Amino acid sequence: MTFAILPRERHSLDVAALLKIRGYPAILHLPMQAEKDGEKGPFLVGVSMEEEEISRTVATLLDEMPGLVGVNNHRGSLATADERVMAAVLKPIAERGLAFVDSRTSSRSVAFRKAQEMNVRSAYNSIFLDHEADHGFMTRQWEQARNLAMRRGWVVVIGHVRPMTVSFFETMDPHLREGLRLVTLPELLGVIHPK
């Protein structure tokens, strides 16, 4: 697993430090503007911002939580569909040699393609595991992800720190892992973007 940490929350820095001690990689979970947000919605990167402000915001957030291995978008269906915004988001990520994961909160996202164009090691989410808090639903989502991984060779699955999700992993039937190797984001990118 790789953990995505929302910035500037009460325990963001504590969580980052704990993950580092435990040996888990972490990425910045960057709040970006969604289609349903107004101009002052719950985001740190929005489409009305200038490129310099976007890049400076991302750089500052990365500086506030040293040791992160990359970034992914939190929400952001509007912002990730905007090439100008994504180029500005990816600039400080590329400069630091970090990775980017497109959470794919919109089918119109250009984030992964833009990351590839800018030579940022990147991947994209294919399955949201737990937007329904139900073991049966999560099992079906996992099976879909497993089938995709078997065909493509890799898959990124996004889940959330919720009681039902934790329970799903704790009680997962071993056959659901057959043929799979669960890896962290840096391990995955080492395979799909070899140096």
Protein backbone atom coordinates (compact mmCIF):
# COMPACT_ATOMS: atom_id res chain seq x y z
CA MET A 1 0.00 0.00 0.00
CA THR A 2 0.91 3.61 -0.52
CA PHE A 3 -0.88 6.20 1.58
CA ALA A 4 -2.19 9.52 0.28
CA ILE A 5 -2.17 12.32 2.88
CA LEU A 6 -4.38 15.38 2.69
CA PRO A 7 -2.26 18.47 3.42
CA ARG A 8 -2.74 20.92 6.28
CA GLU A 9 -5.10 18.72 8.25
CA ARG A 10 -4.69 18.47 12.02
CA HIS A 11 -2.66 15.23 11.89
CA SER A 12 -1.15 15.37 8.37
CA LEU A 13 2.45 15.73 9.57
CA ASP A 14 1.97 13.13 12.33
CA VAL A 15 0.60 10.62 9.82
CA ALA A 16 3.49 11.30 7.41
CA ALA A 17 6.03 10.77 10.21
CA LEU A 18 4.34 7.55 11.39
CA LEU A 19 4.25 6.12 7.87
CA LYS A 20 7.93 6.90 7.41
CA ILE A 21 8.78 5.09 10.67
CA ARG A 22 6.70 2.09 9.57
CA GLY A 23 8.32 2.04 6.12
CA TYR A 24 5.24 2.89 4.06
CA PRO A 25 5.56 5.33 1.16
CA ALA A 26 3.23 8.32 1.12
CA ILE A 27 2.02 10.81 -1.47
CA LEU A 28 0.40 14.22 -1.28
CA HIS A 29 -3.38 13.95 -1.75
CA LEU A 30 -3.80 17.32 -3.47
CA PRO A 31 -7.27 18.92 -3.17
CA MET A 32 -8.22 20.12 -6.66
CA GLN A 33 -11.34 21.84 -7.97
CA ALA A 34 -14.27 19.59 -8.84
CA GLU A 35 -17.02 20.35 -11.35
CA LYS A 36 -19.54 20.96 -8.56
CA ASP A 37 -17.32 23.37 -6.62
CA GLY A 38 -17.83 27.10 -6.75
CA GLU A 39 -14.92 29.49 -7.06
CA LYS A 40 -14.17 29.11 -3.35
CA GLY A 41 -14.87 25.43 -2.95
CA PRO A 42 -12.85 23.03 -0.79
CA PHE A 43 -9.74 22.96 -2.98
CA LEU A 44 -6.17 24.26 -3.00
CA VAL A 45 -5.73 24.18 -6.79
CA GLY A 46 -8.46 25.71 -8.93
CA VAL A 47 -8.93 26.56 -12.59
CA SER A 48 -9.01 30.34 -12.07
CA MET A 49 -5.52 30.36 -10.52
CA GLU A 50 -2.50 31.56 -12.50
CA GLU A 51 0.11 28.95 -13.43
CA GLU A 52 2.75 30.43 -11.12
CA GLU A 53 0.36 30.34 -8.16
CA ILE A 54 -0.56 26.72 -8.86
CA SER A 55 3.08 25.61 -9.12
CA ARG A 56 4.02 27.60 -6.01
CA THR A 57 1.11 26.05 -4.05
CA VAL A 58 2.12 22.51 -5.00
CA ALA A 59 5.80 23.20 -4.24
CA THR A 60 4.94 24.69 -0.83
CA LEU A 61 2.74 21.72 0.09
CA LEU A 62 5.51 19.30 -0.89
CA ASP A 63 8.02 21.30 1.18
CA GLU A 64 5.67 21.13 4.18
CA MET A 65 5.69 17.30 4.11
CA PRO A 66 9.20 16.18 3.16
CA GLY A 67 9.78 12.57 2.19
CA LEU A 68 6.71 12.11 0.01
CA VAL A 69 7.23 10.01 -3.13
CA GLY A 70 4.59 11.68 -5.26
CA VAL A 71 1.20 13.33 -5.64
CA ASN A 72 -2.32 12.34 -6.59
CA ASN A 73 -5.45 14.42 -6.96
CA HIS A 74 -8.17 14.58 -4.32
CA ARG A 75 -11.40 15.22 -6.20
CA GLY A 76 -10.45 17.57 -9.05
CA SER A 77 -12.83 16.58 -11.85
CA LEU A 78 -12.67 20.15 -13.22
CA ALA A 79 -8.99 20.89 -12.62
CA THR A 80 -7.65 17.60 -13.98
CA ALA A 81 -9.53 18.21 -17.25
CA ASP A 82 -7.60 21.46 -17.79
CA GLU A 83 -4.23 21.07 -19.58
CA ARG A 84 -2.95 24.45 -18.38
CA VAL A 85 -3.72 23.64 -14.75
CA MET A 86 -2.18 20.18 -14.97
CA ALA A 87 1.02 21.48 -16.58
CA ALA A 88 1.39 23.90 -13.64
CA VAL A 89 0.64 21.16 -11.07
CA LEU A 90 3.15 18.80 -12.65
CA LYS A 91 5.98 21.32 -12.99
CA PRO A 92 7.20 21.15 -9.34
CA ILE A 93 6.54 17.39 -9.28
CA ALA A 94 8.80 16.94 -12.33
CA GLU A 95 11.46 19.24 -10.87
CA ARG A 96 11.63 17.09 -7.73
CA GLY A 97 11.64 13.79 -9.62
CA LEU A 98 8.43 12.67 -7.91
CA ALA A 99 5.60 10.55 -9.28
CA PHE A 100 2.00 11.41 -10.11
CA VAL A 101 -1.10 9.23 -9.94
CA ASP A 102 -4.21 10.41 -11.75
CA SER A 103 -7.08 9.43 -9.47
CA ARG A 104 -9.35 9.64 -12.52
CA THR A 105 -12.26 11.35 -10.83
CA SER A 106 -13.46 12.33 -14.31
CA SER A 107 -13.40 10.59 -17.69
CA ARG A 108 -12.27 13.96 -19.10
CA SER A 109 -9.04 13.98 -17.10
CA VAL A 110 -5.89 14.86 -19.04
CA ALA A 111 -3.65 14.46 -15.98
CA PHE A 112 -2.04 11.11 -16.84
CA ARG A 113 -1.42 12.07 -20.47
CA LYS A 114 0.08 15.41 -19.41
CA ALA A 115 2.32 13.67 -16.86
CA GLN A 116 3.55 11.32 -19.57
CA GLU A 117 4.25 14.26 -21.90
CA MET A 118 6.29 15.94 -19.14
CA ASN A 119 8.26 12.74 -18.42
CA VAL A 120 6.81 12.40 -14.93
CA ARG A 121 6.70 8.79 -13.74
CA SER A 122 2.98 8.23 -13.55
CA ALA A 123 0.10 5.82 -13.29
CA TYR A 124 -3.65 6.10 -13.09
CA ASN A 125 -6.43 4.72 -10.94
CA SER A 126 -8.60 2.06 -12.55
CA ILE A 127 -10.86 1.03 -9.67
CA PHE A 128 -12.37 2.81 -6.69
CA LEU A 129 -12.64 -0.04 -4.22
CA ASP A 130 -14.96 1.22 -1.52
CA HIS A 131 -17.38 3.93 -2.53
CA GLU A 132 -20.00 1.53 -1.21
CA ALA A 133 -19.35 0.31 2.35
CA ASP A 134 -20.24 -3.28 1.59
CA HIS A 135 -17.99 -6.37 1.53
CA GLY A 136 -19.80 -7.83 -1.46
CA PHE A 137 -19.34 -4.64 -3.45
CA MET A 138 -15.66 -4.42 -2.52
CA THR A 139 -15.13 -8.06 -3.48
CA ARG A 140 -16.65 -7.42 -6.92
CA GLN A 141 -14.49 -4.31 -7.36
CA TRP A 142 -11.38 -6.26 -6.31
CA GLU A 143 -12.20 -9.07 -8.75
CA GLN A 144 -12.59 -6.52 -11.53
CA ALA A 145 -9.21 -5.00 -10.60
CA ARG A 146 -7.60 -8.44 -10.46
CA ASN A 147 -8.90 -9.31 -13.94
CA LEU A 148 -7.60 -6.01 -15.29
CA ALA A 149 -4.18 -6.57 -13.68
CA MET A 150 -3.98 -10.04 -15.23
CA ARG A 151 -4.69 -8.60 -18.70
CA ARG A 152 -2.65 -5.38 -18.49
CA GLY A 153 0.08 -6.46 -16.08
CA TRP A 154 -0.67 -3.80 -13.44
CA VAL A 155 -3.52 -1.89 -11.87
CA VAL A 156 -3.92 0.92 -9.33
CA VAL A 157 -6.80 0.57 -6.89
CA ILE A 158 -7.87 3.43 -4.62
CA GLY A 159 -9.48 2.76 -1.26
CA HIS A 160 -10.06 4.84 1.84
CA VAL A 161 -9.20 4.52 5.52
CA ARG A 162 -12.65 3.42 6.65
CA PRO A 163 -13.66 0.65 9.07
CA MET A 164 -15.35 -1.47 6.38
CA THR A 165 -12.32 -1.18 4.05
CA VAL A 166 -9.93 -2.21 6.82
CA SER A 167 -12.23 -5.14 7.60
CA PHE A 168 -12.28 -6.12 3.91
CA PHE A 169 -8.50 -6.43 3.79
CA GLU A 170 -8.30 -8.19 7.18
CA THR A 171 -10.82 -10.84 6.14
CA MET A 172 -10.04 -11.07 2.41
CA ASP A 173 -10.33 -14.57 1.00
CA PRO A 174 -6.80 -15.66 0.00
CA HIS A 175 -7.98 -16.73 -3.47
CA LEU A 176 -8.60 -13.03 -4.27
CA ARG A 177 -4.83 -12.50 -4.14
CA GLU A 178 -3.88 -15.49 -6.27
CA GLY A 179 -1.67 -14.50 -9.19
CA LEU A 180 -1.16 -11.00 -7.80
CA ARG A 181 1.82 -9.29 -6.25
CA LEU A 182 0.72 -6.34 -4.13
CA VAL A 183 3.24 -3.51 -4.40
CA THR A 184 3.74 0.08 -3.36
CA LEU A 185 3.59 2.93 -5.86
CA PRO A 186 7.41 3.23 -6.10
CA GLU A 187 7.65 -0.53 -6.75
CA LEU A 188 4.97 -0.35 -9.44
CA LEU A 189 6.58 2.61 -11.17
CA GLY A 190 9.94 0.80 -11.10
CA VAL A 191 8.30 -1.89 -13.26
CA ILE A 192 6.18 0.22 -15.63
CA HIS A 193 8.78 3.04 -15.90
CA PRO A 194 12.13 1.25 -15.61
CA LYS A 195 15.14 3.55 -15.28
